[in-house]
Amino acid sequence: MSGSAADRRSAIMARLRHTLGPFLDRHPHLRRARERMRSAFMSKMGKIRAHSDPSSFPIYILDQAESAACFFSAAYLGRNAEIFVADAGLADVLLVDIDGDRLSEMAAIYPKQWRTQTADAFATVELLATENRSFDVVIVDPYTGLMQRILFDLRPWMAISGLWLVIGTSAPLLAEIGCQPTSHSLTRWLTEAQPDVAAICAVTEVIFRDDFMGGIYWIVMRRVAAVELNSPGAVSIE
């Protein structure tokens, strides 16, 4: 999709006003109901937005995106990433988490077109990869105890990433694998540990998010080749 996220949002809102305006003018009670719903919606979104930090997420990756899949998305109701996906105007979005109650909360806050799936993230990504499904942007924001499992086998996550893969990691995990929080250091490690993944993606940057556990980061990877990842190649985590 061409144009910036702001341009897309403006175009969508203009079409909605043109389509719904005359109808709502004839039915003022519906207009008032819409305004009440919009106010409630915006208040919840506003609270999430107020606790989010745009500088801690690579918002630019959403500019040309049309679809996204977000894993481990429910813990903070999307303040780490999903709020930015919503602000970018993406309609084709899948949220995956095992916490069905929190996903239900998110379904009431975020765009109605978004889909939620209460399921294990690892089983879901393997199924999506088997079905040759892909999303322009894939965001993986696990609990710290699961970061190693994800980083040590990026194959299924990259398999469903059409343009960008963004995963959360921590300073202790980076230290464990002998890496600094830089794209150069992670590229060197990835080339040695998972050469099949390194061959189809580029680590473009590592973004500091907060100082929990000495530092939580986003690793941002751009897909540069369309080669399928079919053969096993995970790093041992024994």
Protein backbone atom coordinates (compact mmCIF):
# COMPACT_ATOMS: atom_id res chain seq x y z
CA MET A 1 0.00 0.00 0.00
CA SER A 2 1.50 3.32 -1.04
CA GLY A 3 1.57 6.48 1.06
CA SER A 4 2.24 7.09 4.72
CA ALA A 5 0.19 5.69 7.58
CA ALA A 6 -1.20 9.17 8.25
CA ASP A 7 -2.30 9.51 4.61
CA ARG A 8 -4.07 6.14 4.80
CA ARG A 9 -5.90 7.09 7.98
CA SER A 10 -6.99 10.42 6.49
CA ALA A 11 -8.27 8.73 3.33
CA ILE A 12 -10.21 6.13 5.32
CA MET A 13 -11.80 8.76 7.55
CA ALA A 14 -12.74 10.89 4.56
CA ARG A 15 -14.50 7.95 2.90
CA LEU A 16 -16.35 7.12 6.10
CA ARG A 17 -17.54 10.69 6.55
CA HIS A 18 -18.69 10.84 2.95
CA THR A 19 -20.56 7.53 3.25
CA LEU A 20 -22.05 7.80 6.72
CA GLY A 21 -22.51 11.53 7.13
CA PRO A 22 -25.86 11.93 5.31
CA PHE A 23 -27.31 8.83 6.98
CA LEU A 24 -26.34 9.98 10.47
CA ASP A 25 -27.73 13.43 9.76
CA ARG A 26 -31.14 11.83 9.19
CA HIS A 27 -30.83 9.81 12.40
CA PRO A 28 -29.36 12.06 15.11
CA HIS A 29 -29.81 9.43 17.82
CA LEU A 30 -27.40 7.19 15.92
CA ARG A 31 -24.91 10.01 15.63
CA ARG A 32 -25.04 10.56 19.38
CA ALA A 33 -24.59 6.83 19.99
CA ARG A 34 -21.64 6.80 17.64
CA GLU A 35 -20.05 9.70 19.49
CA ARG A 36 -20.50 7.94 22.83
CA MET A 37 -18.91 4.78 21.47
CA ARG A 38 -16.10 6.76 19.89
CA SER A 39 -15.46 8.55 23.18
CA ALA A 40 -15.26 5.27 25.10
CA PHE A 41 -13.04 3.72 22.42
CA MET A 42 -10.70 6.68 22.36
CA SER A 43 -10.45 6.80 26.15
CA LYS A 44 -9.19 3.20 26.29
CA MET A 45 -6.88 3.70 23.35
CA GLY A 46 -5.74 6.96 24.90
CA LYS A 47 -4.79 5.27 28.16
CA ILE A 48 -2.77 2.64 26.32
CA ARG A 49 -1.15 5.29 24.15
CA ALA A 50 -0.29 7.36 27.22
CA HIS A 51 1.74 4.45 28.60
CA SER A 52 3.49 3.68 25.32
CA ASP A 53 6.71 5.13 23.94
CA PRO A 54 6.85 5.61 20.15
CA SER A 55 10.63 5.98 20.30
CA SER A 56 10.93 2.42 21.62
CA PHE A 57 9.36 0.80 18.54
CA PRO A 58 10.42 0.84 14.85
CA ILE A 59 7.26 2.55 13.61
CA TYR A 60 8.72 3.02 10.12
CA ILE A 61 8.33 -0.69 9.36
CA LEU A 62 4.56 -0.16 9.26
CA ASP A 63 4.61 2.50 6.54
CA GLN A 64 4.37 0.08 3.62
CA ALA A 65 2.72 -2.79 5.51
CA GLU A 66 -0.80 -4.07 4.96
CA SER A 67 -0.82 -7.00 7.40
CA ALA A 68 0.67 -7.96 10.75
CA ALA A 69 0.74 -10.86 13.19
CA CYS A 70 1.47 -10.11 16.85
CA PHE A 71 2.42 -12.91 19.24
CA PHE A 72 2.33 -12.73 23.05
CA SER A 73 0.27 -9.61 22.51
CA ALA A 74 -2.11 -9.51 25.47
CA ALA A 75 0.00 -8.87 28.59
CA TYR A 76 -0.07 -5.07 28.39
CA LEU A 77 -3.10 -4.69 26.11
CA GLY A 78 -0.80 -3.81 23.24
CA ARG A 79 1.10 -0.87 24.64
CA ASN A 80 4.48 -2.27 23.51
CA ALA A 81 3.59 -2.70 19.84
CA GLU A 82 -0.06 -3.18 18.89
CA ILE A 83 -1.01 0.42 19.64
CA PHE A 84 1.46 1.52 16.96
CA VAL A 85 0.03 -1.02 14.51
CA ALA A 86 -3.43 0.44 15.14
CA ASP A 87 -2.22 4.01 14.74
CA ALA A 88 -0.64 3.02 11.41
CA GLY A 89 -4.09 2.05 10.12
CA LEU A 90 -3.49 -1.65 9.46
CA ALA A 91 -6.75 -3.60 9.19
CA ASP A 92 -5.44 -7.13 8.51
CA VAL A 93 -4.00 -7.98 11.93
CA LEU A 94 -3.85 -11.23 13.90
CA LEU A 95 -3.31 -11.19 17.68
CA VAL A 96 -2.16 -14.45 19.29
CA ASP A 97 -1.93 -15.17 23.02
CA ILE A 98 -2.93 -17.92 25.43
CA ASP A 99 -4.75 -15.41 27.65
CA GLY A 100 -8.24 -15.39 26.17
CA ASP A 101 -9.63 -12.91 28.68
CA ARG A 102 -7.04 -10.28 27.85
CA LEU A 103 -7.50 -10.92 24.14
CA SER A 104 -11.22 -10.29 24.61
CA GLU A 105 -10.36 -6.95 26.21
CA MET A 106 -8.17 -6.10 23.25
CA ALA A 107 -10.90 -7.10 20.79
CA ALA A 108 -13.15 -4.47 22.39
CA ILE A 109 -10.47 -1.79 22.11
CA TYR A 110 -8.78 -2.31 18.75
CA PRO A 111 -10.28 -2.23 15.24
CA LYS A 112 -13.13 -4.68 14.72
CA GLN A 113 -11.44 -6.14 11.62
CA TRP A 114 -8.59 -7.44 13.75
CA ARG A 115 -8.65 -11.15 14.54
CA THR A 116 -7.72 -12.72 17.86
CA GLN A 117 -6.62 -16.29 18.43
CA THR A 118 -6.35 -17.83 21.89
CA ALA A 119 -3.60 -20.34 21.31
CA ASP A 120 -0.01 -21.29 22.02
CA ALA A 121 2.27 -19.01 20.01
CA PHE A 122 4.76 -21.73 19.10
CA ALA A 123 2.11 -24.12 17.84
CA THR A 124 0.43 -21.30 15.94
CA VAL A 125 3.55 -20.09 14.15
CA GLU A 126 4.41 -23.65 13.12
CA LEU A 127 0.90 -24.13 11.73
CA LEU A 128 0.99 -20.83 9.86
CA ALA A 129 4.38 -21.72 8.38
CA THR A 130 3.10 -25.15 7.30
CA GLU A 131 0.15 -23.43 5.60
CA ASN A 132 2.54 -21.00 3.85
CA ARG A 133 0.81 -18.06 5.50
CA SER A 134 2.70 -14.79 5.75
CA PHE A 135 2.29 -11.29 7.12
CA ASP A 136 4.14 -8.14 6.12
CA VAL A 137 5.15 -7.58 9.75
CA VAL A 138 5.54 -10.19 12.48
CA ILE A 139 6.00 -8.98 16.06
CA VAL A 140 7.04 -11.40 18.82
CA ASP A 141 7.05 -9.97 22.34
CA PRO A 142 7.53 -12.95 24.71
CA TYR A 143 7.98 -13.15 28.43
CA THR A 144 11.67 -13.13 29.31
CA GLY A 145 11.62 -16.85 30.08
CA LEU A 146 10.69 -17.62 26.47
CA MET A 147 13.11 -15.24 24.74
CA GLN A 148 15.87 -17.82 24.43
CA ARG A 149 13.60 -20.39 22.77
CA ILE A 150 12.55 -17.87 20.16
CA LEU A 151 15.97 -16.37 19.46
CA PHE A 152 17.59 -19.80 19.18
CA ASP A 153 15.17 -20.89 16.45
CA LEU A 154 14.09 -17.95 14.30
CA ARG A 155 13.14 -20.17 11.36
CA PRO A 156 9.35 -20.43 11.89
CA TRP A 157 9.02 -16.75 12.73
CA MET A 158 11.00 -15.66 9.68
CA ALA A 159 9.08 -18.16 7.54
CA ILE A 160 5.84 -16.21 8.05
CA SER A 161 7.46 -12.75 7.82
CA GLY A 162 6.95 -11.12 4.46
CA LEU A 163 8.86 -7.91 5.12
CA TRP A 164 9.85 -7.48 8.75
CA LEU A 165 10.34 -9.58 11.89
CA VAL A 166 10.61 -7.83 15.26
CA ILE A 167 11.37 -9.88 18.37
CA GLY A 168 11.94 -9.00 22.01
CA THR A 169 15.15 -9.93 23.77
CA SER A 170 17.03 -9.07 26.94
CA ALA A 171 20.50 -7.93 27.94
CA PRO A 172 21.22 -11.18 29.87
CA LEU A 173 20.32 -13.29 26.84
CA LEU A 174 22.49 -11.18 24.56
CA ALA A 175 25.36 -11.55 27.02
CA GLU A 176 24.81 -15.31 27.10
CA ILE A 177 25.38 -15.58 23.36
CA GLY A 178 28.30 -13.13 23.44
CA CYS A 179 26.49 -10.28 21.72
CA GLN A 180 26.33 -6.55 22.21
CA PRO A 181 22.94 -4.90 21.57
CA THR A 182 23.96 -3.88 18.05
CA SER A 183 22.95 -5.02 14.59
CA HIS A 184 26.58 -5.84 13.71
CA SER A 185 27.06 -8.09 16.73
CA LEU A 186 23.78 -9.94 16.20
CA THR A 187 24.43 -10.34 12.49
CA ARG A 188 27.75 -12.03 13.27
CA TRP A 189 26.09 -14.39 15.78
CA LEU A 190 23.19 -15.19 13.47
CA THR A 191 25.53 -15.95 10.56
CA GLU A 192 27.33 -18.52 12.68
CA ALA A 193 24.36 -19.95 14.63
CA GLN A 194 21.58 -19.95 12.02
CA PRO A 195 23.14 -19.45 8.57
CA ASP A 196 19.94 -20.37 6.73
CA VAL A 197 18.09 -17.56 8.51
CA ALA A 198 20.99 -15.13 8.10
CA ALA A 199 20.93 -15.79 4.36
CA ILE A 200 17.42 -14.37 3.95
CA CYS A 201 17.31 -11.52 6.44
CA ALA A 202 19.28 -8.52 7.66
CA VAL A 203 19.42 -7.33 11.25
CA THR A 204 18.82 -3.63 10.71
CA GLU A 205 18.85 -2.33 14.28
CA VAL A 206 18.47 -3.13 17.97
CA ILE A 207 16.19 -0.76 19.86
CA PHE A 208 16.34 -0.23 23.62
CA ARG A 209 12.88 -0.50 25.21
CA ASP A 210 13.34 -0.32 28.97
CA ASP A 211 15.84 -1.13 31.73
CA PHE A 212 14.11 -4.21 33.14
CA MET A 213 16.66 -7.01 33.69
CA GLY A 214 19.43 -4.66 32.67
CA GLY A 215 17.80 -3.92 29.33
CA ILE A 216 14.96 -5.12 27.12
CA TYR A 217 15.37 -4.65 23.36
CA TRP A 218 13.64 -5.09 20.04
CA ILE A 219 15.68 -6.91 17.40
CA VAL A 220 14.53 -5.62 14.01
CA MET A 221 15.08 -7.88 10.99
CA ARG A 222 14.21 -7.17 7.38
CA ARG A 223 13.52 -10.00 4.96
CA VAL A 224 15.81 -9.74 1.95
CA ALA A 225 15.14 -13.04 0.15
CA ALA A 226 12.08 -15.19 -0.47
CA VAL A 227 13.78 -18.56 0.11
CA GLU A 228 11.60 -21.00 2.05
CA LEU A 229 12.93 -22.36 5.34
CA ASN A 230 12.03 -26.02 5.20
CA SER A 231 14.98 -27.87 6.70
CA PRO A 232 15.61 -28.16 10.45
CA GLY A 233 18.32 -25.87 11.73
CA ALA A 234 17.52 -24.76 15.26
CA VAL A 235 20.28 -23.94 17.70
CA SER A 236 20.48 -26.35 20.60
CA ILE A 237 19.39 -24.78 23.88
CA GLU A 238 20.38 -27.70 26.09
